[in-house]
Full PDB file with SEQRES, HELIX, SHEET, SSBOND, CRYST1, ORIGX, SCALE, CONECT and MASTER records, all heavy atoms in Angstrom:
SEQRES   1 A   36  PHE SER SER ALA TYR ARG ASP GLU VAL ASP ALA ARG LEU          
SEQRES   2 A   36  SER ASP ARG GLY VAL VAL LEU ARG ALA TRP TYR PHE ALA          
SEQRES   3 A   36  TRP GLY THR LEU ALA LEU PHE ALA SER VAL                      
HELIX    1 AA1 SER A    3  LEU A   13  1                                  11    
HELIX    2 AA2 VAL A   18  SER A   35  1                                  18    
CRYST1    1.000    1.000    1.000  90.00  90.00  90.00 P 1           1          
ORIGX1      1.000000  0.000000  0.000000        0.00000                         
ORIGX2      0.000000  1.000000  0.000000        0.00000                         
ORIGX3      0.000000  0.000000  1.000000        0.00000                         
SCALE1      1.000000  0.000000  0.000000        0.00000                         
SCALE2      0.000000  1.000000  0.000000        0.00000                         
SCALE3      0.000000  0.000000  1.000000        0.00000                         
ATOM      1  N   PHE A   1     185.194 231.738 100.145  1.00  0.00           N  
ATOM      2  CA  PHE A   1     184.152 231.103  99.371  1.00  0.00           C  
ATOM      3  C   PHE A   1     184.493 230.675  97.972  1.00  0.00           C  
ATOM      4  O   PHE A   1     183.666 229.984  97.395  1.00  0.00           O  
ATOM      5  CB  PHE A   1     182.931 232.050  99.338  1.00  0.00           C  
ATOM      6  CG  PHE A   1     182.303 232.211 100.673  1.00  0.00           C  
ATOM      7  CD1 PHE A   1     182.236 233.457 101.340  1.00  0.00           C  
ATOM      8  CD2 PHE A   1     181.697 231.188 101.255  1.00  0.00           C  
ATOM      9  CE1 PHE A   1     181.688 233.595 102.533  1.00  0.00           C  
ATOM     10  CE2 PHE A   1     181.026 231.241 102.482  1.00  0.00           C  
ATOM     11  CZ  PHE A   1     181.018 232.453 103.151  1.00  0.00           C  
ATOM     12  N   SER A   2     185.644 231.130  97.431  1.00  0.00           N  
ATOM     13  CA  SER A   2     185.946 230.791  96.058  1.00  0.00           C  
ATOM     14  C   SER A   2     187.220 229.893  95.937  1.00  0.00           C  
ATOM     15  O   SER A   2     188.327 230.398  96.267  1.00  0.00           O  
ATOM     16  CB  SER A   2     186.153 232.070  95.239  1.00  0.00           C  
ATOM     17  OG  SER A   2     186.672 231.807  93.986  1.00  0.00           O  
ATOM     18  N   SER A   3     187.074 228.707  95.507  1.00  0.00           N  
ATOM     19  CA  SER A   3     188.268 227.804  95.388  1.00  0.00           C  
ATOM     20  C   SER A   3     189.192 228.284  94.337  1.00  0.00           C  
ATOM     21  O   SER A   3     190.405 228.145  94.478  1.00  0.00           O  
ATOM     22  CB  SER A   3     187.819 226.351  95.143  1.00  0.00           C  
ATOM     23  OG  SER A   3     187.079 226.313  94.006  1.00  0.00           O  
ATOM     24  N   ALA A   4     188.703 228.854  93.235  1.00  0.00           N  
ATOM     25  CA  ALA A   4     189.549 229.257  92.161  1.00  0.00           C  
ATOM     26  C   ALA A   4     190.396 230.523  92.653  1.00  0.00           C  
ATOM     27  O   ALA A   4     191.621 230.523  92.410  1.00  0.00           O  
ATOM     28  CB  ALA A   4     188.712 229.751  90.949  1.00  0.00           C  
ATOM     29  N   TYR A   5     189.840 231.450  93.437  1.00  0.00           N  
ATOM     30  CA  TYR A   5     190.550 232.561  93.919  1.00  0.00           C  
ATOM     31  C   TYR A   5     191.502 232.040  95.018  1.00  0.00           C  
ATOM     32  O   TYR A   5     192.681 232.608  95.059  1.00  0.00           O  
ATOM     33  CB  TYR A   5     189.517 233.580  94.572  1.00  0.00           C  
ATOM     34  CG  TYR A   5     190.304 234.831  95.078  1.00  0.00           C  
ATOM     35  CD1 TYR A   5     190.817 235.746  94.157  1.00  0.00           C  
ATOM     36  CD2 TYR A   5     190.445 235.096  96.425  1.00  0.00           C  
ATOM     37  CE1 TYR A   5     191.521 236.881  94.674  1.00  0.00           C  
ATOM     38  CE2 TYR A   5     191.045 236.193  96.828  1.00  0.00           C  
ATOM     39  CZ  TYR A   5     191.577 237.069  96.022  1.00  0.00           C  
ATOM     40  OH  TYR A   5     192.230 238.201  96.416  1.00  0.00           O  
ATOM     41  N   ARG A   6     191.146 231.118  95.788  1.00  0.00           N  
ATOM     42  CA  ARG A   6     192.002 230.501  96.759  1.00  0.00           C  
ATOM     43  C   ARG A   6     193.254 229.911  96.111  1.00  0.00           C  
ATOM     44  O   ARG A   6     194.355 230.124  96.588  1.00  0.00           O  
ATOM     45  CB  ARG A   6     191.306 229.448  97.607  1.00  0.00           C  
ATOM     46  CG  ARG A   6     192.014 229.020  98.843  1.00  0.00           C  
ATOM     47  CD  ARG A   6     191.192 228.128  99.661  1.00  0.00           C  
ATOM     48  NE  ARG A   6     189.726 228.474  99.798  1.00  0.00           N  
ATOM     49  CZ  ARG A   6     188.729 227.743  99.413  1.00  0.00           C  
ATOM     50  NH1 ARG A   6     188.925 226.574  98.940  1.00  0.00           N  
ATOM     51  NH2 ARG A   6     187.493 228.173  99.580  1.00  0.00           N  
ATOM     52  N   ASP A   7     193.055 229.196  95.072  1.00  0.00           N  
ATOM     53  CA  ASP A   7     194.194 228.591  94.317  1.00  0.00           C  
ATOM     54  C   ASP A   7     195.107 229.685  93.748  1.00  0.00           C  
ATOM     55  O   ASP A   7     196.307 229.595  93.763  1.00  0.00           O  
ATOM     56  CB  ASP A   7     193.670 227.719  93.209  1.00  0.00           C  
ATOM     57  CG  ASP A   7     192.973 226.431  93.707  1.00  0.00           C  
ATOM     58  OD1 ASP A   7     193.178 226.111  94.923  1.00  0.00           O  
ATOM     59  OD2 ASP A   7     192.232 225.836  92.974  1.00  0.00           O  
ATOM     60  N   GLU A   8     194.462 230.689  93.210  1.00  0.00           N  
ATOM     61  CA  GLU A   8     195.282 231.846  92.684  1.00  0.00           C  
ATOM     62  C   GLU A   8     196.126 232.562  93.756  1.00  0.00           C  
ATOM     63  O   GLU A   8     197.342 232.777  93.537  1.00  0.00           O  
ATOM     64  CB  GLU A   8     194.328 232.885  92.024  1.00  0.00           C  
ATOM     65  CG  GLU A   8     194.946 234.077  91.460  1.00  0.00           C  
ATOM     66  CD  GLU A   8     193.879 235.139  90.981  1.00  0.00           C  
ATOM     67  OE1 GLU A   8     192.789 234.699  90.551  1.00  0.00           O  
ATOM     68  OE2 GLU A   8     194.153 236.321  91.192  1.00  0.00           O  
ATOM     69  N   VAL A   9     195.517 232.833  94.907  1.00  0.00           N  
ATOM     70  CA  VAL A   9     196.256 233.477  95.985  1.00  0.00           C  
ATOM     71  C   VAL A   9     197.313 232.533  96.550  1.00  0.00           C  
ATOM     72  O   VAL A   9     198.450 232.953  96.798  1.00  0.00           O  
ATOM     73  CB  VAL A   9     195.308 233.809  97.170  1.00  0.00           C  
ATOM     74  CG1 VAL A   9     196.091 234.297  98.401  1.00  0.00           C  
ATOM     75  CG2 VAL A   9     194.359 234.993  96.667  1.00  0.00           C  
ATOM     76  N   ASP A  10     197.008 231.251  96.691  1.00  0.00           N  
ATOM     77  CA  ASP A  10     198.029 230.340  97.188  1.00  0.00           C  
ATOM     78  C   ASP A  10     199.231 230.236  96.237  1.00  0.00           C  
ATOM     79  O   ASP A  10     200.419 230.160  96.592  1.00  0.00           O  
ATOM     80  CB  ASP A  10     197.423 228.882  97.390  1.00  0.00           C  
ATOM     81  CG  ASP A  10     196.515 228.864  98.576  1.00  0.00           C  
ATOM     82  OD1 ASP A  10     196.553 229.845  99.397  1.00  0.00           O  
ATOM     83  OD2 ASP A  10     195.683 227.947  98.679  1.00  0.00           O  
ATOM     84  N   ALA A  11     198.936 230.171  94.897  1.00  0.00           N  
ATOM     85  CA  ALA A  11     200.030 230.208  93.881  1.00  0.00           C  
ATOM     86  C   ALA A  11     200.872 231.465  93.924  1.00  0.00           C  
ATOM     87  O   ALA A  11     202.098 231.417  93.849  1.00  0.00           O  
ATOM     88  CB  ALA A  11     199.463 229.981  92.484  1.00  0.00           C  
ATOM     89  N   ARG A  12     200.211 232.578  94.136  1.00  0.00           N  
ATOM     90  CA  ARG A  12     200.902 233.794  94.237  1.00  0.00           C  
ATOM     91  C   ARG A  12     201.773 234.018  95.475  1.00  0.00           C  
ATOM     92  O   ARG A  12     202.857 234.514  95.448  1.00  0.00           O  
ATOM     93  CB  ARG A  12     199.938 235.017  94.164  1.00  0.00           C  
ATOM     94  CG  ARG A  12     200.434 236.328  93.937  1.00  0.00           C  
ATOM     95  CD  ARG A  12     199.428 237.441  93.757  1.00  0.00           C  
ATOM     96  NE  ARG A  12     198.488 237.428  94.900  1.00  0.00           N  
ATOM     97  CZ  ARG A  12     197.191 237.726  94.806  1.00  0.00           C  
ATOM     98  NH1 ARG A  12     196.739 238.123  93.643  1.00  0.00           N  
ATOM     99  NH2 ARG A  12     196.406 237.699  95.817  1.00  0.00           N  
ATOM    100  N   LEU A  13     201.245 233.374  96.543  1.00  0.00           N  
ATOM    101  CA  LEU A  13     202.030 233.499  97.802  1.00  0.00           C  
ATOM    102  C   LEU A  13     203.054 232.265  97.982  1.00  0.00           C  
ATOM    103  O   LEU A  13     203.787 232.289  99.019  1.00  0.00           O  
ATOM    104  CB  LEU A  13     201.122 233.504  98.971  1.00  0.00           C  
ATOM    105  CG  LEU A  13     200.242 234.731  99.169  1.00  0.00           C  
ATOM    106  CD1 LEU A  13     199.272 234.579 100.276  1.00  0.00           C  
ATOM    107  CD2 LEU A  13     201.109 236.040  99.364  1.00  0.00           C  
ATOM    108  N   SER A  14     203.051 231.354  97.077  1.00  0.00           N  
ATOM    109  CA  SER A  14     203.917 230.117  97.307  1.00  0.00           C  
ATOM    110  C   SER A  14     205.412 230.521  97.256  1.00  0.00           C  
ATOM    111  O   SER A  14     206.118 229.822  98.004  1.00  0.00           O  
ATOM    112  CB  SER A  14     203.620 229.126  96.236  1.00  0.00           C  
ATOM    113  OG  SER A  14     203.973 229.617  94.886  1.00  0.00           O  
ATOM    114  N   ASP A  15     205.758 231.515  96.547  1.00  0.00           N  
ATOM    115  CA  ASP A  15     207.171 231.834  96.466  1.00  0.00           C  
ATOM    116  C   ASP A  15     207.536 232.941  97.474  1.00  0.00           C  
ATOM    117  O   ASP A  15     208.689 233.402  97.494  1.00  0.00           O  
ATOM    118  CB  ASP A  15     207.609 232.318  95.083  1.00  0.00           C  
ATOM    119  CG  ASP A  15     206.793 233.454  94.588  1.00  0.00           C  
ATOM    120  OD1 ASP A  15     205.689 233.697  95.162  1.00  0.00           O  
ATOM    121  OD2 ASP A  15     207.306 234.169  93.664  1.00  0.00           O  
ATOM    122  N   ARG A  16     206.619 233.306  98.263  1.00  0.00           N  
ATOM    123  CA  ARG A  16     206.842 234.394  99.305  1.00  0.00           C  
ATOM    124  C   ARG A  16     207.310 233.769 100.613  1.00  0.00           C  
ATOM    125  O   ARG A  16     207.209 232.586 100.806  1.00  0.00           O  
ATOM    126  CB  ARG A  16     205.580 235.229  99.573  1.00  0.00           C  
ATOM    127  CG  ARG A  16     204.943 235.887  98.398  1.00  0.00           C  
ATOM    128  CD  ARG A  16     205.952 236.934  97.805  1.00  0.00           C  
ATOM    129  NE  ARG A  16     205.423 237.477  96.590  1.00  0.00           N  
ATOM    130  CZ  ARG A  16     205.373 238.773  96.297  1.00  0.00           C  
ATOM    131  NH1 ARG A  16     205.828 239.617  97.156  1.00  0.00           N  
ATOM    132  NH2 ARG A  16     204.863 239.198  95.200  1.00  0.00           N  
ATOM    133  N   GLY A  17     207.804 234.562 101.487  1.00  0.00           N  
ATOM    134  CA  GLY A  17     208.319 234.160 102.759  1.00  0.00           C  
ATOM    135  C   GLY A  17     207.166 233.735 103.707  1.00  0.00           C  
ATOM    136  O   GLY A  17     206.015 234.081 103.536  1.00  0.00           O  
ATOM    137  N   VAL A  18     207.571 232.932 104.749  1.00  0.00           N  
ATOM    138  CA  VAL A  18     206.621 232.479 105.724  1.00  0.00           C  
ATOM    139  C   VAL A  18     206.006 233.624 106.453  1.00  0.00           C  
ATOM    140  O   VAL A  18     204.756 233.610 106.793  1.00  0.00           O  
ATOM    141  CB  VAL A  18     207.265 231.490 106.735  1.00  0.00           C  
ATOM    142  CG1 VAL A  18     206.346 231.037 107.778  1.00  0.00           C  
ATOM    143  CG2 VAL A  18     207.804 230.315 105.923  1.00  0.00           C  
ATOM    144  N   VAL A  19     206.787 234.671 106.810  1.00  0.00           N  
ATOM    145  CA  VAL A  19     206.254 235.758 107.556  1.00  0.00           C  
ATOM    146  C   VAL A  19     205.201 236.548 106.785  1.00  0.00           C  
ATOM    147  O   VAL A  19     204.142 236.952 107.278  1.00  0.00           O  
ATOM    148  CB  VAL A  19     207.442 236.674 108.024  1.00  0.00           C  
ATOM    149  CG1 VAL A  19     206.926 237.910 108.680  1.00  0.00           C  
ATOM    150  CG2 VAL A  19     208.389 235.949 108.906  1.00  0.00           C  
ATOM    151  N   LEU A  20     205.465 236.752 105.418  1.00  0.00           N  
ATOM    152  CA  LEU A  20     204.534 237.459 104.624  1.00  0.00           C  
ATOM    153  C   LEU A  20     203.242 236.677 104.516  1.00  0.00           C  
ATOM    154  O   LEU A  20     202.142 237.268 104.549  1.00  0.00           O  
ATOM    155  CB  LEU A  20     205.089 237.661 103.262  1.00  0.00           C  
ATOM    156  CG  LEU A  20     204.225 238.485 102.296  1.00  0.00           C  
ATOM    157  CD1 LEU A  20     204.015 239.911 102.824  1.00  0.00           C  
ATOM    158  CD2 LEU A  20     204.852 238.543 100.885  1.00  0.00           C  
ATOM    159  N   ARG A  21     203.374 235.408 104.345  1.00  0.00           N  
ATOM    160  CA  ARG A  21     202.066 234.542 104.211  1.00  0.00           C  
ATOM    161  C   ARG A  21     201.365 234.536 105.595  1.00  0.00           C  
ATOM    162  O   ARG A  21     200.166 234.652 105.546  1.00  0.00           O  
ATOM    163  CB  ARG A  21     202.412 233.118 103.860  1.00  0.00           C  
ATOM    164  CG  ARG A  21     202.701 232.924 102.382  1.00  0.00           C  
ATOM    165  CD  ARG A  21     202.897 231.494 102.022  1.00  0.00           C  
ATOM    166  NE  ARG A  21     204.215 231.071 102.677  1.00  0.00           N  
ATOM    167  CZ  ARG A  21     204.700 229.933 102.542  1.00  0.00           C  
ATOM    168  NH1 ARG A  21     204.113 228.975 101.796  1.00  0.00           N  
ATOM    169  NH2 ARG A  21     205.880 229.616 103.057  1.00  0.00           N  
ATOM    170  N   ALA A  22     202.049 234.474 106.634  1.00  0.00           N  
ATOM    171  CA  ALA A  22     201.374 234.563 107.982  1.00  0.00           C  
ATOM    172  C   ALA A  22     200.729 235.955 108.173  1.00  0.00           C  
ATOM    173  O   ALA A  22     199.582 235.987 108.639  1.00  0.00           O  
ATOM    174  CB  ALA A  22     202.397 234.324 109.090  1.00  0.00           C  
ATOM    175  N   TRP A  23     201.393 236.955 107.770  1.00  0.00           N  
ATOM    176  CA  TRP A  23     200.820 238.363 107.818  1.00  0.00           C  
ATOM    177  C   TRP A  23     199.530 238.389 106.984  1.00  0.00           C  
ATOM    178  O   TRP A  23     198.529 239.019 107.435  1.00  0.00           O  
ATOM    179  CB  TRP A  23     201.785 239.394 107.484  1.00  0.00           C  
ATOM    180  CG  TRP A  23     201.185 240.773 107.428  1.00  0.00           C  
ATOM    181  CD1 TRP A  23     200.921 241.470 106.354  1.00  0.00           C  
ATOM    182  CD2 TRP A  23     200.812 241.508 108.585  1.00  0.00           C  
ATOM    183  NE1 TRP A  23     200.299 242.626 106.661  1.00  0.00           N  
ATOM    184  CE2 TRP A  23     200.275 242.701 108.027  1.00  0.00           C  
ATOM    185  CE3 TRP A  23     200.828 241.374 109.953  1.00  0.00           C  
ATOM    186  CZ2 TRP A  23     199.839 243.761 108.815  1.00  0.00           C  
ATOM    187  CZ3 TRP A  23     200.350 242.440 110.696  1.00  0.00           C  
ATOM    188  CH2 TRP A  23     199.798 243.548 110.218  1.00  0.00           C  
ATOM    189  N   TYR A  24     199.600 237.951 105.843  1.00  0.00           N  
ATOM    190  CA  TYR A  24     198.517 237.977 104.855  1.00  0.00           C  
ATOM    191  C   TYR A  24     197.289 237.244 105.453  1.00  0.00           C  
ATOM    192  O   TYR A  24     196.153 237.787 105.488  1.00  0.00           O  
ATOM    193  CB  TYR A  24     198.871 237.306 103.546  1.00  0.00           C  
ATOM    194  CG  TYR A  24     197.832 237.452 102.518  1.00  0.00           C  
ATOM    195  CD1 TYR A  24     197.647 238.547 101.715  1.00  0.00           C  
ATOM    196  CD2 TYR A  24     196.963 236.304 102.261  1.00  0.00           C  
ATOM    197  CE1 TYR A  24     196.734 238.607 100.734  1.00  0.00           C  
ATOM    198  CE2 TYR A  24     195.965 236.447 101.294  1.00  0.00           C  
ATOM    199  CZ  TYR A  24     195.881 237.496 100.499  1.00  0.00           C  
ATOM    200  OH  TYR A  24     194.946 237.652  99.564  1.00  0.00           O  
ATOM    201  N   PHE A  25     197.464 236.082 106.041  1.00  0.00           N  
ATOM    202  CA  PHE A  25     196.343 235.269 106.558  1.00  0.00           C  
ATOM    203  C   PHE A  25     195.902 235.823 107.896  1.00  0.00           C  
ATOM    204  O   PHE A  25     194.737 235.847 108.186  1.00  0.00           O  
ATOM    205  CB  PHE A  25     196.702 233.822 106.646  1.00  0.00           C  
ATOM    206  CG  PHE A  25     196.910 233.190 105.330  1.00  0.00           C  
ATOM    207  CD1 PHE A  25     198.092 232.662 104.945  1.00  0.00           C  
ATOM    208  CD2 PHE A  25     195.807 233.114 104.424  1.00  0.00           C  
ATOM    209  CE1 PHE A  25     198.182 232.080 103.652  1.00  0.00           C  
ATOM    210  CE2 PHE A  25     195.949 232.571 103.155  1.00  0.00           C  
ATOM    211  CZ  PHE A  25     197.192 232.057 102.802  1.00  0.00           C  
ATOM    212  N   ALA A  26     196.778 236.372 108.696  1.00  0.00           N  
ATOM    213  CA  ALA A  26     196.403 237.052 109.981  1.00  0.00           C  
ATOM    214  C   ALA A  26     195.522 238.251 109.635  1.00  0.00           C  
ATOM    215  O   ALA A  26     194.544 238.503 110.291  1.00  0.00           O  
ATOM    216  CB  ALA A  26     197.586 237.485 110.799  1.00  0.00           C  
ATOM    217  N   TRP A  27     195.967 239.102 108.662  1.00  0.00           N  
ATOM    218  CA  TRP A  27     195.205 240.271 108.335  1.00  0.00           C  
ATOM    219  C   TRP A  27     193.822 239.886 107.773  1.00  0.00           C  
ATOM    220  O   TRP A  27     192.772 240.457 108.120  1.00  0.00           O  
ATOM    221  CB  TRP A  27     195.903 241.109 107.246  1.00  0.00           C  
ATOM    222  CG  TRP A  27     194.996 242.143 106.675  1.00  0.00           C  
ATOM    223  CD1 TRP A  27     194.539 242.190 105.409  1.00  0.00           C  
ATOM    224  CD2 TRP A  27     194.493 243.320 107.351  1.00  0.00           C  
ATOM    225  NE1 TRP A  27     193.729 243.286 105.257  1.00  0.00           N  
ATOM    226  CE2 TRP A  27     193.642 243.966 106.450  1.00  0.00           C  
ATOM    227  CE3 TRP A  27     194.564 243.837 108.616  1.00  0.00           C  
ATOM    228  CZ2 TRP A  27     192.956 245.081 106.720  1.00  0.00           C  
ATOM    229  CZ3 TRP A  27     193.901 244.912 108.900  1.00  0.00           C  
ATOM    230  CH2 TRP A  27     193.135 245.620 107.994  1.00  0.00           C  
ATOM    231  N   GLY A  28     193.766 238.776 106.934  1.00  0.00           N  
ATOM    232  CA  GLY A  28     192.488 238.308 106.410  1.00  0.00           C  
ATOM    233  C   GLY A  28     191.556 237.881 107.567  1.00  0.00           C  
ATOM    234  O   GLY A  28     190.374 238.127 107.518  1.00  0.00           O  
ATOM    235  N   THR A  29     192.103 237.132 108.525  1.00  0.00           N  
ATOM    236  CA  THR A  29     191.370 236.661 109.699  1.00  0.00           C  
ATOM    237  C   THR A  29     190.717 237.800 110.429  1.00  0.00           C  
ATOM    238  O   THR A  29     189.616 237.896 110.848  1.00  0.00           O  
ATOM    239  CB  THR A  29     192.150 235.737 110.491  1.00  0.00           C  
ATOM    240  OG1 THR A  29     192.628 234.623 109.728  1.00  0.00           O  
ATOM    241  CG2 THR A  29     191.284 235.158 111.637  1.00  0.00           C  
ATOM    242  N   LEU A  30     191.532 238.785 110.710  1.00  0.00           N  
ATOM    243  CA  LEU A  30     191.155 239.965 111.399  1.00  0.00           C  
ATOM    244  C   LEU A  30     190.072 240.755 110.656  1.00  0.00           C  
ATOM    245  O   LEU A  30     189.086 241.196 111.287  1.00  0.00           O  
ATOM    246  CB  LEU A  30     192.429 240.899 111.660  1.00  0.00           C  
ATOM    247  CG  LEU A  30     192.022 242.184 112.399  1.00  0.00           C  
ATOM    248  CD1 LEU A  30     191.658 241.932 113.913  1.00  0.00           C  
ATOM    249  CD2 LEU A  30     193.217 243.079 112.406  1.00  0.00           C  
ATOM    250  N   ALA A  31     190.220 240.899 109.388  1.00  0.00           N  
ATOM    251  CA  ALA A  31     189.247 241.512 108.565  1.00  0.00           C  
ATOM    252  C   ALA A  31     187.956 240.778 108.535  1.00  0.00           C  
ATOM    253  O   ALA A  31     186.844 241.411 108.616  1.00  0.00           O  
ATOM    254  CB  ALA A  31     189.725 241.730 107.129  1.00  0.00           C  
ATOM    255  N   LEU A  32     187.968 239.519 108.508  1.00  0.00           N  
ATOM    256  CA  LEU A  32     186.741 238.675 108.508  1.00  0.00           C  
ATOM    257  C   LEU A  32     185.956 238.876 109.891  1.00  0.00           C  
ATOM    258  O   LEU A  32     184.752 239.090 109.873  1.00  0.00           O  
ATOM    259  CB  LEU A  32     187.053 237.152 108.359  1.00  0.00           C  
ATOM    260  CG  LEU A  32     187.418 236.805 107.005  1.00  0.00           C  
ATOM    261  CD1 LEU A  32     187.798 235.292 106.928  1.00  0.00           C  
ATOM    262  CD2 LEU A  32     186.309 237.015 105.976  1.00  0.00           C  
ATOM    263  N   PHE A  33     186.721 238.778 110.956  1.00  0.00           N  
ATOM    264  CA  PHE A  33     186.104 238.987 112.264  1.00  0.00           C  
ATOM    265  C   PHE A  33     185.561 240.394 112.424  1.00  0.00           C  
ATOM    266  O   PHE A  33     184.472 240.587 112.895  1.00  0.00           O  
ATOM    267  CB  PHE A  33     186.979 238.593 113.429  1.00  0.00           C  
ATOM    268  CG  PHE A  33     187.241 237.154 113.652  1.00  0.00           C  
ATOM    269  CD1 PHE A  33     188.478 236.561 113.622  1.00  0.00           C  
ATOM    270  CD2 PHE A  33     186.129 236.241 113.756  1.00  0.00           C  
ATOM    271  CE1 PHE A  33     188.651 235.175 113.844  1.00  0.00           C  
ATOM    272  CE2 PHE A  33     186.335 234.943 113.895  1.00  0.00           C  
ATOM    273  CZ  PHE A  33     187.567 234.426 113.974  1.00  0.00           C  
ATOM    274  N   ALA A  34     186.305 241.295 111.962  1.00  0.00           N  
ATOM    275  CA  ALA A  34     185.781 242.727 112.091  1.00  0.00           C  
ATOM    276  C   ALA A  34     184.554 242.950 111.212  1.00  0.00           C  
ATOM    277  O   ALA A  34     183.670 243.670 111.681  1.00  0.00           O  
ATOM    278  CB  ALA A  34     186.962 243.698 111.642  1.00  0.00           C  
ATOM    279  N   SER A  35     184.494 242.331 110.058  1.00  0.00           N  
ATOM    280  CA  SER A  35     183.312 242.525 109.262  1.00  0.00           C  
ATOM    281  C   SER A  35     182.055 241.878 109.939  1.00  0.00           C  
ATOM    282  O   SER A  35     181.000 242.406 109.878  1.00  0.00           O  
ATOM    283  CB  SER A  35     183.526 242.020 107.832  1.00  0.00           C  
ATOM    284  OG  SER A  35     183.619 240.590 107.818  1.00  0.00           O  
ATOM    285  N   VAL A  36     182.290 240.713 110.519  1.00  0.00           N  
ATOM    286  CA  VAL A  36     181.192 240.135 111.248  1.00  0.00           C  
ATOM    287  C   VAL A  36     180.718 241.009 112.420  1.00  0.00           C  
ATOM    288  O   VAL A  36     179.544 241.176 112.662  1.00  0.00           O  
ATOM    289  CB  VAL A  36     181.595 238.680 111.746  1.00  0.00           C  
ATOM    290  CG1 VAL A  36     180.555 238.101 112.712  1.00  0.00           C  
ATOM    291  CG2 VAL A  36     181.810 237.767 110.568  1.00  0.00           C  
TER     292      VAL A  36                                                      
MASTER        0    0    0    2    0    0    0    6  291    1    0    3          
END                                                                             
């Protein structure tokens, strides 16, 4: 819901590896579905 936070997270994860970014977004998706 927050574009500013999204930009901040994307900037923080830009220098990280692909696996770490995929894990971060997979965990976030799982947490969203679990909260619903």
